[in-house]
C-alpha cells in the first residue's frame, strides 16, 4: 500500500488524541463516500488514506493498551473494507458512517 501520510506516520499521528485521530480518519471516510458515486478513483484513494490512518491508529500504543478500543478499531476496519470493497454484509449506510464519525469530530473539537 502506498504511504500517503509520511509526516503523520513518522510519529506525529501518535501525538494526537484518540478523538482527533478518529476525526481525521472520519474525514477521509466521508470524502470516500462523497466521491463514491462521482469518481471511483478518487473514492478509492480516499479509502486508502483512511485505511492508512486506521492502521496508524491501531498501532498507537495508547489505543493498543485499551482492549475494548482496539476491538472497536479492528471491527471498524472490517466493516469499512466490507462496505467499500465487498458486499456490505454488515448493512452499513452512508448516513450511519457519517453519524459515527461526526461524533468523533464533535468530541475532538470539544477537547481543544
PDB file of N, CA and C in Angstrom:
ATOM      1  N   UNK A   1       0.844  -1.180   0.000  1.00  0.00           N
ATOM      2  CA  UNK A   1       0.000   0.000   0.000  1.00  0.00           C
ATOM      3  C   UNK A   1       0.889   1.242   0.000  1.00  0.00           C
ATOM      4  N   UNK A   2       0.492   2.230  -0.751  1.00  0.00           N
ATOM      5  CA  UNK A   2       1.214   3.487  -0.840  1.00  0.00           C
ATOM      6  C   UNK A   2       1.091   4.248   0.479  1.00  0.00           C
ATOM      7  N   UNK A   3       2.164   4.930   0.875  1.00  0.00           N
ATOM      8  CA  UNK A   3       2.131   5.760   2.083  1.00  0.00           C
ATOM      9  C   UNK A   3       1.698   7.165   1.674  1.00  0.00           C
ATOM     10  N   UNK A   4       0.606   7.626   2.212  1.00  0.00           N
ATOM     11  CA  UNK A   4       0.072   8.943   1.891  1.00  0.00           C
ATOM     12  C   UNK A   4       0.449   9.981   2.949  1.00  0.00           C
ATOM     13  N   UNK A   5       0.525   9.553   4.177  1.00  0.00           N
ATOM     14  CA  UNK A   5       0.730  10.473   5.297  1.00  0.00           C
ATOM     15  C   UNK A   5       2.115  10.257   5.906  1.00  0.00           C
ATOM     16  N   UNK A   6       3.148  10.639   5.179  1.00  0.00           N
ATOM     17  CA  UNK A   6       4.520  10.398   5.644  1.00  0.00           C
ATOM     18  C   UNK A   6       4.813  11.099   6.964  1.00  0.00           C
ATOM     19  N   UNK A   7       4.414  12.346   7.078  1.00  0.00           N
ATOM     20  CA  UNK A   7       4.689  13.102   8.301  1.00  0.00           C
ATOM     21  C   UNK A   7       3.953  12.495   9.502  1.00  0.00           C
ATOM     22  N   UNK A   8       2.714  12.130   9.294  1.00  0.00           N
ATOM     23  CA  UNK A   8       1.949  11.531  10.385  1.00  0.00           C
ATOM     24  C   UNK A   8       2.498  10.164  10.768  1.00  0.00           C
ATOM     25  N   UNK A   9       2.880   9.382   9.758  1.00  0.00           N
ATOM     26  CA  UNK A   9       3.366   8.036  10.052  1.00  0.00           C
ATOM     27  C   UNK A   9       4.747   8.057  10.701  1.00  0.00           C
ATOM     28  N   UNK A  10       5.443   9.183  10.632  1.00  0.00           N
ATOM     29  CA  UNK A  10       6.764   9.263  11.260  1.00  0.00           C
ATOM     30  C   UNK A  10       6.664   9.568  12.753  1.00  0.00           C
ATOM     31  N   UNK A  11       5.478   9.723  13.278  1.00  0.00           N
ATOM     32  CA  UNK A  11       5.320   9.895  14.719  1.00  0.00           C
ATOM     33  C   UNK A  11       4.311  10.939  15.142  1.00  0.00           C
ATOM     34  N   UNK A  12       4.033  11.893  14.292  1.00  0.00           N
ATOM     35  CA  UNK A  12       3.115  12.976  14.660  1.00  0.00           C
ATOM     36  C   UNK A  12       1.700  12.460  14.968  1.00  0.00           C
ATOM     37  N   UNK A  13       1.300  11.413  14.270  1.00  0.00           N
ATOM     38  CA  UNK A  13      -0.043  10.845  14.471  1.00  0.00           C
ATOM     39  C   UNK A  13      -0.253  10.419  15.928  1.00  0.00           C
ATOM     40  N   UNK A  14       0.797   9.905  16.536  1.00  0.00           N
ATOM     41  CA  UNK A  14       0.687   9.366  17.887  1.00  0.00           C
ATOM     42  C   UNK A  14       0.585  10.457  18.952  1.00  0.00           C
ATOM     43  N   UNK A  15       0.831  11.700  18.563  1.00  0.00           N
ATOM     44  CA  UNK A  15       0.670  12.830  19.480  1.00  0.00           C
ATOM     45  C   UNK A  15      -0.782  13.294  19.570  1.00  0.00           C
ATOM     46  N   UNK A  16      -1.578  12.908  18.590  1.00  0.00           N
ATOM     47  CA  UNK A  16      -3.000  13.290  18.578  1.00  0.00           C
ATOM     48  C   UNK A  16      -3.776  12.459  19.587  1.00  0.00           C
ATOM     49  N   UNK A  17      -4.865  13.036  20.088  1.00  0.00           N
ATOM     50  CA  UNK A  17      -5.749  12.263  20.961  1.00  0.00           C
ATOM     51  C   UNK A  17      -6.506  11.232  20.117  1.00  0.00           C
ATOM     52  N   UNK A  18      -7.088  10.267  20.781  1.00  0.00           N
ATOM     53  CA  UNK A  18      -7.895   9.271  20.079  1.00  0.00           C
ATOM     54  C   UNK A  18      -9.016   9.937  19.291  1.00  0.00           C
ATOM     55  N   UNK A  19      -9.679  10.913  19.897  1.00  0.00           N
ATOM     56  CA  UNK A  19     -10.774  11.596  19.214  1.00  0.00           C
ATOM     57  C   UNK A  19     -10.285  12.355  17.979  1.00  0.00           C
ATOM     58  N   UNK A  20      -9.111  12.983  18.069  1.00  0.00           N
ATOM     59  CA  UNK A  20      -8.559  13.676  16.913  1.00  0.00           C
ATOM     60  C   UNK A  20      -8.196  12.688  15.807  1.00  0.00           C
ATOM     61  N   UNK A  21      -7.609  11.561  16.185  1.00  0.00           N
ATOM     62  CA  UNK A  21      -7.281  10.536  15.198  1.00  0.00           C
ATOM     63  C   UNK A  21      -8.531  10.068  14.468  1.00  0.00           C
ATOM     64  N   UNK A  22      -9.577   9.779  15.226  1.00  0.00           N
ATOM     65  CA  UNK A  22     -10.808   9.282  14.617  1.00  0.00           C
ATOM     66  C   UNK A  22     -11.495  10.346  13.770  1.00  0.00           C
ATOM     67  N   UNK A  23     -11.394  11.612  14.163  1.00  0.00           N
ATOM     68  CA  UNK A  23     -11.988  12.690  13.367  1.00  0.00           C
ATOM     69  C   UNK A  23     -11.273  12.813  12.022  1.00  0.00           C
ATOM     70  N   UNK A  24      -9.950  12.728  12.032  1.00  0.00           N
ATOM     71  CA  UNK A  24      -9.195  12.780  10.771  1.00  0.00           C
ATOM     72  C   UNK A  24      -9.526  11.578   9.894  1.00  0.00           C
ATOM     73  N   UNK A  25      -9.562  10.427  10.500  1.00  0.00           N
ATOM     74  CA  UNK A  25      -9.930   9.202   9.783  1.00  0.00           C
ATOM     75  C   UNK A  25     -11.324   9.353   9.179  1.00  0.00           C
ATOM     76  N   UNK A  26     -12.245   9.880   9.962  1.00  0.00           N
ATOM     77  CA  UNK A  26     -13.617  10.071   9.504  1.00  0.00           C
ATOM     78  C   UNK A  26     -13.723  11.015   8.328  1.00  0.00           C
ATOM     79  N   UNK A  27     -12.892  12.049   8.303  1.00  0.00           N
ATOM     80  CA  UNK A  27     -12.978  12.955   7.151  1.00  0.00           C
ATOM     81  C   UNK A  27     -12.548  12.260   5.870  1.00  0.00           C
ATOM     82  N   UNK A  28     -11.601  11.342   5.963  1.00  0.00           N
ATOM     83  CA  UNK A  28     -11.220  10.575   4.763  1.00  0.00           C
ATOM     84  C   UNK A  28     -12.338   9.610   4.357  1.00  0.00           C
ATOM     85  N   UNK A  29     -12.976   8.989   5.327  1.00  0.00           N
ATOM     86  CA  UNK A  29     -14.076   8.063   5.023  1.00  0.00           C
ATOM     87  C   UNK A  29     -15.237   8.827   4.386  1.00  0.00           C
ATOM     88  N   UNK A  30     -15.582   9.955   4.950  1.00  0.00           N
ATOM     89  CA  UNK A  30     -16.683  10.755   4.401  1.00  0.00           C
ATOM     90  C   UNK A  30     -16.319  11.273   3.003  1.00  0.00           C
ATOM     91  N   UNK A  31     -15.056  11.609   2.799  1.00  0.00           N
ATOM     92  CA  UNK A  31     -14.593  12.010   1.467  1.00  0.00           C
ATOM     93  C   UNK A  31     -14.750  10.846   0.485  1.00  0.00           C
ATOM     94  N   UNK A  32     -14.372   9.647   0.915  1.00  0.00           N
ATOM     95  CA  UNK A  32     -14.512   8.460   0.050  1.00  0.00           C
ATOM     96  C   UNK A  32     -15.979   8.219  -0.300  1.00  0.00           C
ATOM     97  N   UNK A  33     -16.854   8.400   0.668  1.00  0.00           N
ATOM     98  CA  UNK A  33     -18.287   8.221   0.432  1.00  0.00           C
ATOM     99  C   UNK A  33     -18.788   9.260  -0.578  1.00  0.00           C
ATOM    100  N   UNK A  34     -18.378  10.511  -0.386  1.00  0.00           N
ATOM    101  CA  UNK A  34     -18.893  11.562  -1.279  1.00  0.00           C
ATOM    102  C   UNK A  34     -18.405  11.383  -2.716  1.00  0.00           C
ATOM    103  N   UNK A  35     -17.235  10.788  -2.904  1.00  0.00           N
ATOM    104  CA  UNK A  35     -16.725  10.545  -4.250  1.00  0.00           C
ATOM    105  C   UNK A  35     -17.246   9.246  -4.854  1.00  0.00           C
ATOM    106  N   UNK A  36     -17.808   8.375  -4.042  1.00  0.00           N
ATOM    107  CA  UNK A  36     -18.174   7.026  -4.490  1.00  0.00           C
ATOM    108  C   UNK A  36     -19.046   7.014  -5.749  1.00  0.00           C
ATOM    109  N   UNK A  37     -19.994   7.898  -5.835  1.00  0.00           N
ATOM    110  CA  UNK A  37     -20.917   7.911  -6.977  1.00  0.00           C
ATOM    111  C   UNK A  37     -20.402   8.743  -8.147  1.00  0.00           C
ATOM    112  N   UNK A  38     -19.395   9.585  -7.910  1.00  0.00           N
ATOM    113  CA  UNK A  38     -18.929  10.503  -8.952  1.00  0.00           C
ATOM    114  C   UNK A  38     -17.606  10.091  -9.585  1.00  0.00           C
ATOM    115  N   UNK A  39     -16.701   9.528  -8.771  1.00  0.00           N
ATOM    116  CA  UNK A  39     -15.370   9.224  -9.301  1.00  0.00           C
ATOM    117  C   UNK A  39     -14.770   8.069  -8.489  1.00  0.00           C
ATOM    118  N   UNK A  40     -14.791   6.886  -9.059  1.00  0.00           N
ATOM    119  CA  UNK A  40     -14.295   5.694  -8.356  1.00  0.00           C
ATOM    120  C   UNK A  40     -12.840   5.829  -7.919  1.00  0.00           C
ATOM    121  N   UNK A  41     -12.013   6.421  -8.762  1.00  0.00           N
ATOM    122  CA  UNK A  41     -10.588   6.554  -8.450  1.00  0.00           C
ATOM    123  C   UNK A  41     -10.371   7.455  -7.241  1.00  0.00           C
ATOM    124  N   UNK A  42     -11.042   8.590  -7.185  1.00  0.00           N
ATOM    125  CA  UNK A  42     -10.914   9.491  -6.042  1.00  0.00           C
ATOM    126  C   UNK A  42     -11.433   8.822  -4.770  1.00  0.00           C
ATOM    127  N   UNK A  43     -12.531   8.100  -4.899  1.00  0.00           N
ATOM    128  CA  UNK A  43     -13.089   7.386  -3.755  1.00  0.00           C
ATOM    129  C   UNK A  43     -12.109   6.330  -3.244  1.00  0.00           C
ATOM    130  N   UNK A  44     -11.526   5.587  -4.175  1.00  0.00           N
ATOM    131  CA  UNK A  44     -10.562   4.542  -3.795  1.00  0.00           C
ATOM    132  C   UNK A  44      -9.355   5.139  -3.078  1.00  0.00           C
ATOM    133  N   UNK A  45      -8.847   6.251  -3.592  1.00  0.00           N
ATOM    134  CA  UNK A  45      -7.692   6.895  -2.955  1.00  0.00           C
ATOM    135  C   UNK A  45      -8.022   7.399  -1.557  1.00  0.00           C
ATOM    136  N   UNK A  46      -9.185   7.992  -1.405  1.00  0.00           N
ATOM    137  CA  UNK A  46      -9.594   8.464  -0.083  1.00  0.00           C
ATOM    138  C   UNK A  46      -9.727   7.295   0.887  1.00  0.00           C
ATOM    139  N   UNK A  47     -10.256   6.173   0.400  1.00  0.00           N
ATOM    140  CA  UNK A  47     -10.388   4.998   1.268  1.00  0.00           C
ATOM    141  C   UNK A  47      -9.021   4.439   1.634  1.00  0.00           C
ATOM    142  N   UNK A  48      -8.087   4.452   0.698  1.00  0.00           N
ATOM    143  CA  UNK A  48      -6.723   4.006   1.013  1.00  0.00           C
ATOM    144  C   UNK A  48      -6.094   4.892   2.085  1.00  0.00           C
ATOM    145  N   UNK A  49      -6.315   6.196   1.983  1.00  0.00           N
ATOM    146  CA  UNK A  49      -5.796   7.114   3.007  1.00  0.00           C
ATOM    147  C   UNK A  49      -6.455   6.835   4.354  1.00  0.00           C
ATOM    148  N   UNK A  50      -7.761   6.583   4.325  1.00  0.00           N
ATOM    149  CA  UNK A  50      -8.477   6.271   5.565  1.00  0.00           C
ATOM    150  C   UNK A  50      -7.941   4.992   6.202  1.00  0.00           C
ATOM    151  N   UNK A  51      -7.721   3.974   5.398  1.00  0.00           N
ATOM    152  CA  UNK A  51      -7.197   2.715   5.936  1.00  0.00           C
ATOM    153  C   UNK A  51      -5.780   2.888   6.485  1.00  0.00           C
ATOM    154  N   UNK A  52      -4.993   3.736   5.845  1.00  0.00           N
ATOM    155  CA  UNK A  52      -3.655   4.014   6.371  1.00  0.00           C
ATOM    156  C   UNK A  52      -3.759   4.674   7.754  1.00  0.00           C
ATOM    157  N   UNK A  53      -4.646   5.659   7.885  1.00  0.00           N
ATOM    158  CA  UNK A  53      -4.832   6.313   9.183  1.00  0.00           C
ATOM    159  C   UNK A  53      -5.374   5.333  10.215  1.00  0.00           C
ATOM    160  N   UNK A  54      -6.253   4.460   9.796  1.00  0.00           N
ATOM    161  CA  UNK A  54      -6.792   3.454  10.715  1.00  0.00           C
ATOM    162  C   UNK A  54      -5.690   2.525  11.207  1.00  0.00           C
ATOM    163  N   UNK A  55      -4.809   2.110  10.317  1.00  0.00           N
ATOM    164  CA  UNK A  55      -3.693   1.245  10.727  1.00  0.00           C
ATOM    165  C   UNK A  55      -2.782   1.971  11.710  1.00  0.00           C
ATOM    166  N   UNK A  56      -2.513   3.253  11.476  1.00  0.00           N
ATOM    167  CA  UNK A  56      -1.713   4.035  12.421  1.00  0.00           C
ATOM    168  C   UNK A  56      -2.410   4.119  13.775  1.00  0.00           C
ATOM    169  N   UNK A  57      -3.724   4.285  13.755  1.00  0.00           N
ATOM    170  CA  UNK A  57      -4.495   4.378  14.992  1.00  0.00           C
ATOM    171  C   UNK A  57      -4.450   3.052  15.743  1.00  0.00           C
ATOM    172  N   UNK A  58      -4.568   1.962  15.031  1.00  0.00           N
ATOM    173  CA  UNK A  58      -4.483   0.636  15.648  1.00  0.00           C
ATOM    174  C   UNK A  58      -3.095   0.425  16.246  1.00  0.00           C
ATOM    175  N   UNK A  59      -2.065   0.903  15.574  1.00  0.00           N
ATOM    176  CA  UNK A  59      -0.683   0.718  16.036  1.00  0.00           C
ATOM    177  C   UNK A  59      -0.292   1.643  17.191  1.00  0.00           C
ATOM    178  N   UNK A  60      -1.086   2.648  17.458  1.00  0.00           N
ATOM    179  CA  UNK A  60      -0.776   3.597  18.528  1.00  0.00           C
ATOM    180  C   UNK A  60      -0.856   2.892  19.880  1.00  0.00           C
ATOM    181  N   UNK A  61       0.216   2.987  20.659  1.00  0.00           N
ATOM    182  CA  UNK A  61       0.255   2.246  21.923  1.00  0.00           C
ATOM    183  C   UNK A  61      -0.817   2.696  22.908  1.00  0.00           C
ATOM    184  N   UNK A  62      -1.262   3.943  22.839  1.00  0.00           N
ATOM    185  CA  UNK A  62      -2.337   4.378  23.750  1.00  0.00           C
ATOM    186  C   UNK A  62      -3.656   3.679  23.422  1.00  0.00           C
ATOM    187  N   UNK A  63      -3.807   3.269  22.154  1.00  0.00           N
ATOM    188  CA  UNK A  63      -5.025   2.552  21.763  1.00  0.00           C
ATOM    189  C   UNK A  63      -4.864   1.053  21.957  1.00  0.00           C
ATOM    190  N   UNK A  64      -3.661   0.550  21.753  1.00  0.00           N
ATOM    191  CA  UNK A  64      -3.411  -0.883  21.952  1.00  0.00           C
ATOM    192  C   UNK A  64      -3.573  -1.290  23.412  1.00  0.00           C
ATOM    193  N   UNK A  65      -3.332  -0.348  24.320  1.00  0.00           N
ATOM    194  CA  UNK A  65      -3.399  -0.671  25.746  1.00  0.00           C
ATOM    195  C   UNK A  65      -4.834  -0.752  26.263  1.00  0.00           C
ATOM    196  N   UNK A  66      -5.797  -0.422  25.432  1.00  0.00           N
ATOM    197  CA  UNK A  66      -7.209  -0.470  25.827  1.00  0.00           C
ATOM    198  C   UNK A  66      -7.905  -1.517  24.969  1.00  0.00           C
ATOM    199  N   UNK A  67      -8.109  -2.718  25.506  1.00  0.00           N
ATOM    200  CA  UNK A  67      -8.663  -3.824  24.696  1.00  0.00           C
ATOM    201  C   UNK A  67      -9.986  -3.497  24.009  1.00  0.00           C
ATOM    202  N   UNK A  68     -10.892  -2.800  24.689  1.00  0.00           N
ATOM    203  CA  UNK A  68     -12.184  -2.509  24.056  1.00  0.00           C
ATOM    204  C   UNK A  68     -12.014  -1.541  22.889  1.00  0.00           C
ATOM    205  N   UNK A  69     -11.088  -0.602  23.017  1.00  0.00           N
ATOM    206  CA  UNK A  69     -10.831   0.343  21.930  1.00  0.00           C
ATOM    207  C   UNK A  69     -10.188  -0.380  20.748  1.00  0.00           C
ATOM    208  N   UNK A  70      -9.241  -1.237  21.034  1.00  0.00           N
ATOM    209  CA  UNK A  70      -8.571  -1.992  19.976  1.00  0.00           C
ATOM    210  C   UNK A  70      -9.572  -2.885  19.248  1.00  0.00           C
ATOM    211  N   UNK A  71     -10.480  -3.476  19.995  1.00  0.00           N
ATOM    212  CA  UNK A  71     -11.512  -4.325  19.382  1.00  0.00           C
ATOM    213  C   UNK A  71     -12.410  -3.491  18.461  1.00  0.00           C
ATOM    214  N   UNK A  72     -12.783  -2.298  18.914  1.00  0.00           N
ATOM    215  CA  UNK A  72     -13.616  -1.436  18.078  1.00  0.00           C
ATOM    216  C   UNK A  72     -12.880  -1.034  16.805  1.00  0.00           C
ATOM    217  N   UNK A  73     -11.599  -0.718  16.915  1.00  0.00           N
ATOM    218  CA  UNK A  73     -10.823  -0.299  15.752  1.00  0.00           C
ATOM    219  C   UNK A  73     -10.679  -1.419  14.732  1.00  0.00           C
ATOM    220  N   UNK A  74     -10.439  -2.623  15.206  1.00  0.00           N
ATOM    221  CA  UNK A  74     -10.298  -3.736  14.258  1.00  0.00           C
ATOM    222  C   UNK A  74     -11.645  -4.101  13.637  1.00  0.00           C
ATOM    223  N   UNK A  75     -12.719  -3.969  14.402  1.00  0.00           N
ATOM    224  CA  UNK A  75     -14.057  -4.197  13.842  1.00  0.00           C
ATOM    225  C   UNK A  75     -14.398  -3.106  12.835  1.00  0.00           C
ATOM    226  N   UNK A  76     -13.993  -1.881  13.127  1.00  0.00           N
ATOM    227  CA  UNK A  76     -14.200  -0.767  12.203  1.00  0.00           C
ATOM    228  C   UNK A  76     -13.498  -1.048  10.878  1.00  0.00           C
ATOM    229  N   UNK A  77     -12.265  -1.522  10.948  1.00  0.00           N
ATOM    230  CA  UNK A  77     -11.517  -1.862   9.724  1.00  0.00           C
ATOM    231  C   UNK A  77     -12.282  -2.905   8.912  1.00  0.00           C
ATOM    232  N   UNK A  78     -12.777  -3.924   9.594  1.00  0.00           N
ATOM    233  CA  UNK A  78     -13.533  -4.988   8.929  1.00  0.00           C
ATOM    234  C   UNK A  78     -14.789  -4.430   8.247  1.00  0.00           C
ATOM    235  N   UNK A  79     -15.512  -3.567   8.947  1.00  0.00           N
ATOM    236  CA  UNK A  79     -16.757  -3.020   8.403  1.00  0.00           C
ATOM    237  C   UNK A  79     -16.493  -2.065   7.239  1.00  0.00           C
ATOM    238  N   UNK A  80     -15.450  -1.254   7.347  1.00  0.00           N
ATOM    239  CA  UNK A  80     -15.126  -0.337   6.246  1.00  0.00           C
ATOM    240  C   UNK A  80     -14.722  -1.094   4.986  1.00  0.00           C
ATOM    241  N   UNK A  81     -13.887  -2.095   5.144  1.00  0.00           N
ATOM    242  CA  UNK A  81     -13.461  -2.897   3.994  1.00  0.00           C
ATOM    243  C   UNK A  81     -14.661  -3.607   3.377  1.00  0.00           C
ATOM    244  N   UNK A  82     -15.539  -4.124   4.229  1.00  0.00           N
ATOM    245  CA  UNK A  82     -16.748  -4.781   3.720  1.00  0.00           C
ATOM    246  C   UNK A  82     -17.610  -3.794   2.933  1.00  0.00           C
ATOM    247  N   UNK A  83     -17.770  -2.586   3.449  1.00  0.00           N
ATOM    248  CA  UNK A  83     -18.630  -1.587   2.800  1.00  0.00           C
ATOM    249  C   UNK A  83     -18.051  -1.109   1.466  1.00  0.00           C
ATOM    250  N   UNK A  84     -16.761  -0.826   1.443  1.00  0.00           N
ATOM    251  CA  UNK A  84     -16.162  -0.229   0.258  1.00  0.00           C
ATOM    252  C   UNK A  84     -15.686  -1.233  -0.783  1.00  0.00           C
ATOM    253  N   UNK A  85     -15.304  -2.431  -0.345  1.00  0.00           N
ATOM    254  CA  UNK A  85     -14.672  -3.356  -1.291  1.00  0.00           C
ATOM    255  C   UNK A  85     -15.433  -4.659  -1.514  1.00  0.00           C
ATOM    256  N   UNK A  86     -16.372  -4.977  -0.647  1.00  0.00           N
ATOM    257  CA  UNK A  86     -17.057  -6.254  -0.791  1.00  0.00           C
ATOM    258  C   UNK A  86     -18.563  -6.057  -0.865  1.00  0.00           C
ATOM    259  N   UNK A  87     -19.330  -6.925  -0.270  1.00  0.00           N
ATOM    260  CA  UNK A  87     -20.785  -6.948  -0.476  1.00  0.00           C
ATOM    261  C   UNK A  87     -21.594  -6.245   0.608  1.00  0.00           C
ATOM    262  N   UNK A  88     -20.949  -5.545   1.511  1.00  0.00           N
ATOM    263  CA  UNK A  88     -21.635  -4.829   2.585  1.00  0.00           C
ATOM    264  C   UNK A  88     -22.537  -5.761   3.393  1.00  0.00           C
ATOM    265  N   UNK A  89     -21.967  -6.847   3.843  1.00  0.00           N
ATOM    266  CA  UNK A  89     -22.721  -7.829   4.633  1.00  0.00           C
ATOM    267  C   UNK A  89     -23.194  -7.264   5.970  1.00  0.00           C
ATOM    268  N   UNK A  90     -22.518  -6.226   6.471  1.00  0.00           N
ATOM    269  CA  UNK A  90     -22.928  -5.613   7.735  1.00  0.00           C
ATOM    270  C   UNK A  90     -24.097  -4.654   7.554  1.00  0.00           C
ATOM    271  N   UNK A  91     -24.423  -4.334   6.310  1.00  0.00           N
ATOM    272  CA  UNK A  91     -25.539  -3.429   6.031  1.00  0.00           C
ATOM    273  C   UNK A  91     -25.248  -1.982   6.394  1.00  0.00           C
ATOM    274  N   UNK A  92     -24.002  -1.567   6.265  1.00  0.00           N
ATOM    275  CA  UNK A  92     -23.625  -0.184   6.567  1.00  0.00           C
ATOM    276  C   UNK A  92     -24.262   0.767   5.560  1.00  0.00           C
ATOM    277  N   UNK A  93     -24.520   1.984   6.019  1.00  0.00           N
ATOM    278  CA  UNK A  93     -25.079   3.013   5.140  1.00  0.00           C
ATOM    279  C   UNK A  93     -24.219   4.277   5.215  1.00  0.00           C
ATOM    280  N   UNK A  94     -24.362   5.114   4.211  1.00  0.00           N
ATOM    281  CA  UNK A  94     -23.644   6.393   4.212  1.00  0.00           C
ATOM    282  C   UNK A  94     -23.996   7.204   5.453  1.00  0.00           C
ATOM    283  N   UNK A  95     -25.282   7.272   5.766  1.00  0.00           N
ATOM    284  CA  UNK A  95     -25.717   8.057   6.921  1.00  0.00           C
ATOM    285  C   UNK A  95     -25.145   7.501   8.224  1.00  0.00           C
ATOM    286  N   UNK A  96     -25.106   6.186   8.344  1.00  0.00           N
ATOM    287  CA  UNK A  96     -24.558   5.585   9.569  1.00  0.00           C
ATOM    288  C   UNK A  96     -23.080   5.924   9.726  1.00  0.00           C
ATOM    289  N   UNK A  97     -22.309   5.869   8.629  1.00  0.00           N
ATOM    290  CA  UNK A  97     -20.890   6.214   8.704  1.00  0.00           C
ATOM    291  C   UNK A  97     -20.715   7.680   9.075  1.00  0.00           C
ATOM    292  N   UNK A  98     -21.510   8.545   8.477  1.00  0.00           N
ATOM    293  CA  UNK A  98     -21.396   9.971   8.786  1.00  0.00           C
ATOM    294  C   UNK A  98     -21.728  10.253  10.247  1.00  0.00           C
ATOM    295  N   UNK A  99     -22.778   9.645  10.767  1.00  0.00           N
ATOM    296  CA  UNK A  99     -23.136   9.830  12.180  1.00  0.00           C
ATOM    297  C   UNK A  99     -22.039   9.308  13.104  1.00  0.00           C
ATOM    298  N   UNK A 100     -21.491   8.145  12.777  1.00  0.00           N
ATOM    299  CA  UNK A 100     -20.441   7.545  13.597  1.00  0.00           C
ATOM    300  C   UNK A 100     -19.232   8.477  13.677  1.00  0.00           C
ATOM    301  N   UNK A 101     -18.760   8.953  12.548  1.00  0.00           N
ATOM    302  CA  UNK A 101     -17.555   9.772  12.554  1.00  0.00           C
ATOM    303  C   UNK A 101     -17.812  11.213  12.985  1.00  0.00           C
ATOM    304  N   UNK A 102     -18.998  11.738  12.765  1.00  0.00           N
ATOM    305  CA  UNK A 102     -19.298  13.094  13.225  1.00  0.00           C
ATOM    306  C   UNK A 102     -19.232  13.202  14.745  1.00  0.00           C
ATOM    307  N   UNK A 103     -19.544  12.120  15.436  1.00  0.00           N
ATOM    308  CA  UNK A 103     -19.420  12.114  16.892  1.00  0.00           C
ATOM    309  C   UNK A 103     -17.980  12.334  17.333  1.00  0.00           C
ATOM    310  N   UNK A 104     -17.042  11.734  16.624  1.00  0.00           N
ATOM    311  CA  UNK A 104     -15.633  11.922  16.954  1.00  0.00           C
ATOM    312  C   UNK A 104     -15.166  13.340  16.621  1.00  0.00           C
ATOM    313  N   UNK A 105     -15.649  13.885  15.511  1.00  0.00           N
ATOM    314  CA  UNK A 105     -15.288  15.258  15.148  1.00  0.00           C
ATOM    315  C   UNK A 105     -15.789  16.226  16.220  1.00  0.00           C
ATOM    316  N   UNK A 106     -16.993  16.003  16.690  1.00  0.00           N
ATOM    317  CA  UNK A 106     -17.559  16.845  17.749  1.00  0.00           C
ATOM    318  C   UNK A 106     -16.716  16.725  19.024  1.00  0.00           C
ATOM    319  N   UNK A 107     -16.388  15.491  19.412  1.00  0.00           N
ATOM    320  CA  UNK A 107     -15.592  15.277  20.630  1.00  0.00           C
ATOM    321  C   UNK A 107     -14.203  15.890  20.507  1.00  0.00           C
ATOM    322  N   UNK A 108     -13.587  15.807  19.325  1.00  0.00           N
ATOM    323  CA  UNK A 108     -12.260  16.383  19.122  1.00  0.00           C
ATOM    324  C   UNK A 108     -12.307  17.908  19.264  1.00  0.00           C
ATOM    325  N   UNK A 109     -13.352  18.525  18.757  1.00  0.00           N
ATOM    326  CA  UNK A 109     -13.494  19.981  18.866  1.00  0.00           C
ATOM    327  C   UNK A 109     -13.729  20.404  20.314  1.00  0.00           C
ATOM    328  N   UNK A 110     -14.474  19.614  21.064  1.00  0.00           N
ATOM    329  CA  UNK A 110     -14.781  19.944  22.448  1.00  0.00           C
ATOM    330  C   UNK A 110     -13.540  19.879  23.337  1.00  0.00           C
ATOM    331  N   UNK A 111     -12.584  19.008  22.992  1.00  0.00           N
ATOM    332  CA  UNK A 111     -11.382  18.831  23.804  1.00  0.00           C
ATOM    333  C   UNK A 111     -10.386  19.971  23.595  1.00  0.00           C
ATOM    334  N   UNK A 112     -10.463  20.647  22.454  1.00  0.00           N
ATOM    335  CA  UNK A 112      -9.480  21.701  22.179  1.00  0.00           C
ATOM    336  C   UNK A 112      -9.975  23.062  22.572  1.00  0.00           C
TER     337      UNK A 112
END
